[in-house]
PDB file of N, CA and C in Angstrom:
ATOM      1  N   MET A   1     -55.730  42.127-110.258  1.00  0.00           N
ATOM      2  CA  MET A   1     -55.159  41.409-109.177  1.00  0.00           C
ATOM      3  C   MET A   1     -55.942  40.133-108.917  1.00  0.00           C
ATOM      4  N   VAL A   2     -55.281  39.082-108.628  1.00  0.00           N
ATOM      5  CA  VAL A   2     -55.893  37.783-108.340  1.00  0.00           C
ATOM      6  C   VAL A   2     -55.828  37.473-106.869  1.00  0.00           C
ATOM      7  N   TYR A   3     -56.936  37.116-106.250  1.00  0.00           N
ATOM      8  CA  TYR A   3     -56.969  36.757-104.879  1.00  0.00           C
ATOM      9  C   TYR A   3     -57.240  35.249-104.735  1.00  0.00           C
ATOM     10  N   LEU A   4     -56.375  34.569-104.057  1.00  0.00           N
ATOM     11  CA  LEU A   4     -56.534  33.108-103.833  1.00  0.00           C
ATOM     12  C   LEU A   4     -56.567  32.843-102.352  1.00  0.00           C
ATOM     13  N   ASN A   5     -57.218  31.728-101.995  1.00  0.00           N
ATOM     14  CA  ASN A   5     -57.158  31.321-100.636  1.00  0.00           C
ATOM     15  C   ASN A   5     -56.651  29.874-100.622  1.00  0.00           C
ATOM     16  N   PHE A   6     -56.587  29.302 -99.439  1.00  0.00           N
ATOM     17  CA  PHE A   6     -55.977  27.969 -99.249  1.00  0.00           C
ATOM     18  C   PHE A   6     -56.615  26.890-100.118  1.00  0.00           C
ATOM     19  N   THR A   7     -57.925  26.943-100.268  1.00  0.00           N
ATOM     20  CA  THR A   7     -58.668  25.900-101.017  1.00  0.00           C
ATOM     21  C   THR A   7     -58.435  26.020-102.514  1.00  0.00           C
ATOM     22  N   ASP A   8     -57.912  27.113-103.003  1.00  0.00           N
ATOM     23  CA  ASP A   8     -57.651  27.292-104.441  1.00  0.00           C
ATOM     24  C   ASP A   8     -56.331  26.665-104.835  1.00  0.00           C
ATOM     25  N   LEU A   9     -55.539  26.212-103.885  1.00  0.00           N
ATOM     26  CA  LEU A   9     -54.220  25.672-104.172  1.00  0.00           C
ATOM     27  C   LEU A   9     -54.319  24.146-104.506  1.00  0.00           C
ATOM     28  N   SER A  10     -53.285  23.627-105.115  1.00  0.00           N
ATOM     29  CA  SER A  10     -53.280  22.167-105.419  1.00  0.00           C
ATOM     30  C   SER A  10     -53.228  21.390-104.096  1.00  0.00           C
ATOM     31  N   GLU A  11     -53.560  20.103-104.173  1.00  0.00           N
ATOM     32  CA  GLU A  11     -53.520  19.265-102.988  1.00  0.00           C
ATOM     33  C   GLU A  11     -52.150  19.165-102.401  1.00  0.00           C
ATOM     34  N   GLU A  12     -51.143  19.042-103.253  1.00  0.00           N
ATOM     35  CA  GLU A  12     -49.772  18.976-102.815  1.00  0.00           C
ATOM     36  C   GLU A  12     -49.338  20.254-102.052  1.00  0.00           C
ATOM     37  N   ALA A  13     -49.731  21.398-102.594  1.00  0.00           N
ATOM     38  CA  ALA A  13     -49.397  22.665-101.929  1.00  0.00           C
ATOM     39  C   ALA A  13     -50.178  22.784-100.609  1.00  0.00           C
ATOM     40  N   GLN A  14     -51.444  22.354-100.602  1.00  0.00           N
ATOM     41  CA  GLN A  14     -52.209  22.393 -99.360  1.00  0.00           C
ATOM     42  C   GLN A  14     -51.582  21.545 -98.278  1.00  0.00           C
ATOM     43  N   ASN A  15     -51.139  20.349 -98.627  1.00  0.00           N
ATOM     44  CA  ASN A  15     -50.526  19.435 -97.632  1.00  0.00           C
ATOM     45  C   ASN A  15     -49.216  20.032 -97.117  1.00  0.00           C
ATOM     46  N   ARG A  16     -48.428  20.598 -98.003  1.00  0.00           N
ATOM     47  CA  ARG A  16     -47.135  21.184 -97.575  1.00  0.00           C
ATOM     48  C   ARG A  16     -47.396  22.378 -96.640  1.00  0.00           C
ATOM     49  N   LEU A  17     -48.343  23.225 -96.984  1.00  0.00           N
ATOM     50  CA  LEU A  17     -48.652  24.385 -96.143  1.00  0.00           C
ATOM     51  C   LEU A  17     -49.277  23.954 -94.839  1.00  0.00           C
ATOM     52  N   LEU A  18     -50.077  22.891 -94.837  1.00  0.00           N
ATOM     53  CA  LEU A  18     -50.696  22.393 -93.571  1.00  0.00           C
ATOM     54  C   LEU A  18     -49.596  21.898 -92.646  1.00  0.00           C
ATOM     55  N   GLU A  19     -48.607  21.166 -93.156  1.00  0.00           N
ATOM     56  CA  GLU A  19     -47.516  20.669 -92.315  1.00  0.00           C
ATOM     57  C   GLU A  19     -46.712  21.878 -91.725  1.00  0.00           C
ATOM     58  N   ASN A  20     -46.460  22.850 -92.581  1.00  0.00           N
ATOM     59  CA  ASN A  20     -45.730  24.043 -92.095  1.00  0.00           C
ATOM     60  C   ASN A  20     -46.543  24.783 -91.021  1.00  0.00           C
ATOM     61  N   SER A  21     -47.829  24.837 -91.245  1.00  0.00           N
ATOM     62  CA  SER A  21     -48.711  25.545 -90.285  1.00  0.00           C
ATOM     63  C   SER A  21     -48.771  24.753 -88.933  1.00  0.00           C
ATOM     64  N   LYS A  22     -48.790  23.420 -89.006  1.00  0.00           N
ATOM     65  CA  LYS A  22     -48.766  22.636 -87.778  1.00  0.00           C
ATOM     66  C   LYS A  22     -47.505  22.927 -86.963  1.00  0.00           C
ATOM     67  N   LYS A  23     -46.370  22.949 -87.656  1.00  0.00           N
ATOM     68  CA  LYS A  23     -45.091  23.243 -86.957  1.00  0.00           C
ATOM     69  C   LYS A  23     -45.149  24.650 -86.348  1.00  0.00           C
ATOM     70  N   ASP A  24     -45.672  25.583 -87.106  1.00  0.00           N
ATOM     71  CA  ASP A  24     -45.788  26.976 -86.657  1.00  0.00           C
ATOM     72  C   ASP A  24     -46.655  27.086 -85.418  1.00  0.00           C
ATOM     73  N   VAL A  25     -47.824  26.446 -85.432  1.00  0.00           N
ATOM     74  CA  VAL A  25     -48.737  26.451 -84.326  1.00  0.00           C
ATOM     75  C   VAL A  25     -48.122  25.797 -83.096  1.00  0.00           C
ATOM     76  N   GLU A  26     -47.486  24.650 -83.302  1.00  0.00           N
ATOM     77  CA  GLU A  26     -46.856  23.919 -82.184  1.00  0.00           C
ATOM     78  C   GLU A  26     -45.715  24.758 -81.553  1.00  0.00           C
ATOM     79  N   ARG A  27     -44.959  25.449 -82.404  1.00  0.00           N
ATOM     80  CA  ARG A  27     -43.889  26.278 -81.909  1.00  0.00           C
ATOM     81  C   ARG A  27     -44.435  27.462 -81.113  1.00  0.00           C
ATOM     82  N   LYS A  28     -45.470  28.095 -81.616  1.00  0.00           N
ATOM     83  CA  LYS A  28     -46.028  29.304 -80.948  1.00  0.00           C
ATOM     84  C   LYS A  28     -46.848  28.974 -79.723  1.00  0.00           C
ATOM     85  N   PHE A  29     -47.712  27.946 -79.865  1.00  0.00           N
ATOM     86  CA  PHE A  29     -48.748  27.706 -78.818  1.00  0.00           C
ATOM     87  C   PHE A  29     -48.675  26.296 -78.216  1.00  0.00           C
ATOM     88  N   GLY A  30     -47.597  25.558 -78.460  1.00  0.00           N
ATOM     89  CA  GLY A  30     -47.517  24.181 -78.048  1.00  0.00           C
ATOM     90  C   GLY A  30     -47.702  23.951 -76.554  1.00  0.00           C
ATOM     91  N   ASP A  31     -47.046  24.791 -75.718  1.00  0.00           N
ATOM     92  CA  ASP A  31     -47.177  24.616 -74.269  1.00  0.00           C
ATOM     93  C   ASP A  31     -48.614  24.899 -73.796  1.00  0.00           C
ATOM     94  N   ALA A  32     -49.251  25.930 -74.348  1.00  0.00           N
ATOM     95  CA  ALA A  32     -50.612  26.249 -73.945  1.00  0.00           C
ATOM     96  C   ALA A  32     -51.597  25.155 -74.391  1.00  0.00           C
ATOM     97  N   ILE A  33     -51.407  24.604 -75.550  1.00  0.00           N
ATOM     98  CA  ILE A  33     -52.230  23.513 -76.020  1.00  0.00           C
ATOM     99  C   ILE A  33     -52.042  22.272 -75.202  1.00  0.00           C
ATOM    100  N   ARG A  34     -50.813  21.956 -74.853  1.00  0.00           N
ATOM    101  CA  ARG A  34     -50.567  20.821 -73.981  1.00  0.00           C
ATOM    102  C   ARG A  34     -51.290  20.895 -72.627  1.00  0.00           C
ATOM    103  N   LYS A  35     -51.262  22.111 -72.072  1.00  0.00           N
ATOM    104  CA  LYS A  35     -51.974  22.333 -70.789  1.00  0.00           C
ATOM    105  C   LYS A  35     -53.484  22.156 -70.982  1.00  0.00           C
ATOM    106  N   TYR A  36     -53.990  22.679 -72.096  1.00  0.00           N
ATOM    107  CA  TYR A  36     -55.451  22.519 -72.401  1.00  0.00           C
ATOM    108  C   TYR A  36     -55.814  21.043 -72.554  1.00  0.00           C
ATOM    109  N   VAL A  37     -55.013  20.316 -73.303  1.00  0.00           N
ATOM    110  CA  VAL A  37     -55.275  18.930 -73.585  1.00  0.00           C
ATOM    111  C   VAL A  37     -55.213  18.127 -72.267  1.00  0.00           C
ATOM    112  N   LYS A  38     -54.260  18.419 -71.423  1.00  0.00           N
ATOM    113  CA  LYS A  38     -54.101  17.721 -70.156  1.00  0.00           C
ATOM    114  C   LYS A  38     -55.317  17.935 -69.277  1.00  0.00           C
ATOM    115  N   GLY A  39     -55.849  19.141 -69.225  1.00  0.00           N
ATOM    116  CA  GLY A  39     -56.986  19.467 -68.385  1.00  0.00           C
ATOM    117  C   GLY A  39     -58.303  19.038 -68.943  1.00  0.00           C
ATOM    118  N   ASN A  40     -58.403  18.887 -70.264  1.00  0.00           N
ATOM    119  CA  ASN A  40     -59.694  18.507 -70.881  1.00  0.00           C
ATOM    120  C   ASN A  40     -59.719  17.152 -71.533  1.00  0.00           C
ATOM    121  N   TYR A  41     -58.660  16.414 -71.379  1.00  0.00           N
ATOM    122  CA  TYR A  41     -58.645  15.009 -71.886  1.00  0.00           C
ATOM    123  C   TYR A  41     -58.984  14.921 -73.372  1.00  0.00           C
ATOM    124  N   THR A  42     -58.381  15.763 -74.179  1.00  0.00           N
ATOM    125  CA  THR A  42     -58.557  15.738 -75.624  1.00  0.00           C
ATOM    126  C   THR A  42     -57.247  15.294 -76.257  1.00  0.00           C
ATOM    127  N   CYS A  43     -57.316  15.091 -77.581  1.00  0.00           N
ATOM    128  CA  CYS A  43     -56.150  14.653 -78.358  1.00  0.00           C
ATOM    129  C   CYS A  43     -55.315  15.854 -78.813  1.00  0.00           C
ATOM    130  N   PHE A  44     -54.056  15.829 -78.512  1.00  0.00           N
ATOM    131  CA  PHE A  44     -53.089  16.880 -78.890  1.00  0.00           C
ATOM    132  C   PHE A  44     -53.066  17.066 -80.385  1.00  0.00           C
ATOM    133  N   GLU A  45     -52.962  15.979 -81.117  1.00  0.00           N
ATOM    134  CA  GLU A  45     -52.849  16.049 -82.585  1.00  0.00           C
ATOM    135  C   GLU A  45     -54.083  16.684 -83.206  1.00  0.00           C
ATOM    136  N   THR A  46     -55.269  16.363 -82.665  1.00  0.00           N
ATOM    137  CA  THR A  46     -56.535  16.940 -83.173  1.00  0.00           C
ATOM    138  C   THR A  46     -56.545  18.415 -82.984  1.00  0.00           C
ATOM    139  N   ILE A  47     -56.166  18.883 -81.801  1.00  0.00           N
ATOM    140  CA  ILE A  47     -56.154  20.312 -81.536  1.00  0.00           C
ATOM    141  C   ILE A  47     -55.170  21.031 -82.406  1.00  0.00           C
ATOM    142  N   ILE A  48     -53.980  20.454 -82.590  1.00  0.00           N
ATOM    143  CA  ILE A  48     -52.929  21.041 -83.447  1.00  0.00           C
ATOM    144  C   ILE A  48     -53.484  21.170 -84.876  1.00  0.00           C
ATOM    145  N   GLU A  49     -54.155  20.119 -85.386  1.00  0.00           N
ATOM    146  CA  GLU A  49     -54.659  20.123 -86.716  1.00  0.00           C
ATOM    147  C   GLU A  49     -55.720  21.228 -86.874  1.00  0.00           C
ATOM    148  N   GLU A  50     -56.638  21.356 -85.897  1.00  0.00           N
ATOM    149  CA  GLU A  50     -57.691  22.364 -85.984  1.00  0.00           C
ATOM    150  C   GLU A  50     -57.090  23.784 -85.948  1.00  0.00           C
ATOM    151  N   GLU A  51     -56.132  23.981 -85.071  1.00  0.00           N
ATOM    152  CA  GLU A  51     -55.494  25.295 -84.976  1.00  0.00           C
ATOM    153  C   GLU A  51     -54.656  25.565 -86.223  1.00  0.00           C
ATOM    154  N   ALA A  52     -54.010  24.568 -86.809  1.00  0.00           N
ATOM    155  CA  ALA A  52     -53.248  24.750 -88.031  1.00  0.00           C
ATOM    156  C   ALA A  52     -54.116  25.207 -89.175  1.00  0.00           C
ATOM    157  N   LEU A  53     -55.321  24.579 -89.272  1.00  0.00           N
ATOM    158  CA  LEU A  53     -56.259  24.999 -90.349  1.00  0.00           C
ATOM    159  C   LEU A  53     -56.699  26.421 -90.143  1.00  0.00           C
ATOM    160  N   ARG A  54     -56.985  26.809 -88.928  1.00  0.00           N
ATOM    161  CA  ARG A  54     -57.342  28.223 -88.673  1.00  0.00           C
ATOM    162  C   ARG A  54     -56.183  29.147 -89.008  1.00  0.00           C
ATOM    163  N   ASN A  55     -54.992  28.715 -88.668  1.00  0.00           N
ATOM    164  CA  ASN A  55     -53.782  29.513 -88.923  1.00  0.00           C
ATOM    165  C   ASN A  55     -53.537  29.738 -90.401  1.00  0.00           C
ATOM    166  N   LEU A  56     -53.881  28.745 -91.204  1.00  0.00           N
ATOM    167  CA  LEU A  56     -53.657  28.847 -92.661  1.00  0.00           C
ATOM    168  C   LEU A  56     -54.410  30.009 -93.285  1.00  0.00           C
ATOM    169  N   TYR A  57     -55.583  30.286 -92.776  1.00  0.00           N
ATOM    170  CA  TYR A  57     -56.394  31.382 -93.365  1.00  0.00           C
ATOM    171  C   TYR A  57     -55.876  32.733 -92.916  1.00  0.00           C
ATOM    172  N   SER A  58     -54.916  32.788 -92.043  1.00  0.00           N
ATOM    173  CA  SER A  58     -54.353  34.077 -91.650  1.00  0.00           C
ATOM    174  C   SER A  58     -53.082  34.389 -92.492  1.00  0.00           C
ATOM    175  N   TYR A  59     -52.631  33.427 -93.280  1.00  0.00           N
ATOM    176  CA  TYR A  59     -51.466  33.598 -94.130  1.00  0.00           C
ATOM    177  C   TYR A  59     -51.813  34.482 -95.364  1.00  0.00           C
ATOM    178  N   THR A  60     -50.823  35.189 -95.848  1.00  0.00           N
ATOM    179  CA  THR A  60     -50.941  35.916 -97.087  1.00  0.00           C
ATOM    180  C   THR A  60     -50.138  35.193 -98.131  1.00  0.00           C
ATOM    181  N   TYR A  61     -50.721  34.736 -99.206  1.00  0.00           N
ATOM    182  CA  TYR A  61     -50.038  33.954-100.204  1.00  0.00           C
ATOM    183  C   TYR A  61     -49.506  34.848-101.296  1.00  0.00           C
ATOM    184  N   VAL A  62     -48.243  34.636-101.642  1.00  0.00           N
ATOM    185  CA  VAL A  62     -47.563  35.436-102.644  1.00  0.00           C
ATOM    186  C   VAL A  62     -47.034  34.459-103.713  1.00  0.00           C
ATOM    187  N   PHE A  63     -47.334  34.774-104.981  1.00  0.00           N
ATOM    188  CA  PHE A  63     -46.929  33.873-106.092  1.00  0.00           C
ATOM    189  C   PHE A  63     -46.074  34.632-107.080  1.00  0.00           C
ATOM    190  N   ASN A  64     -45.043  34.032-107.528  1.00  0.00           N
ATOM    191  CA  ASN A  64     -44.225  34.565-108.611  1.00  0.00           C
ATOM    192  C   ASN A  64     -44.683  33.938-109.908  1.00  0.00           C
ATOM    193  N   ILE A  65     -45.105  34.778-110.824  1.00  0.00           N
ATOM    194  CA  ILE A  65     -45.620  34.270-112.104  1.00  0.00           C
ATOM    195  C   ILE A  65     -44.698  34.749-113.210  1.00  0.00           C
TER     196      ILE A  65
END
């Protein structure tokens, strides 16, 4: 069995998965992040990017070979 993580994927695949993860995080936690950003004067996009990266490592990758 082969185990891969996010960093083992091609740059194109990483970018595609990162965009999907950003959308996923914003859909799930967007309101809570907006409240946090408003109260702490931080950048929404930065927080979304950080959370999206954390979210990527919770994914299970499946490949058809």
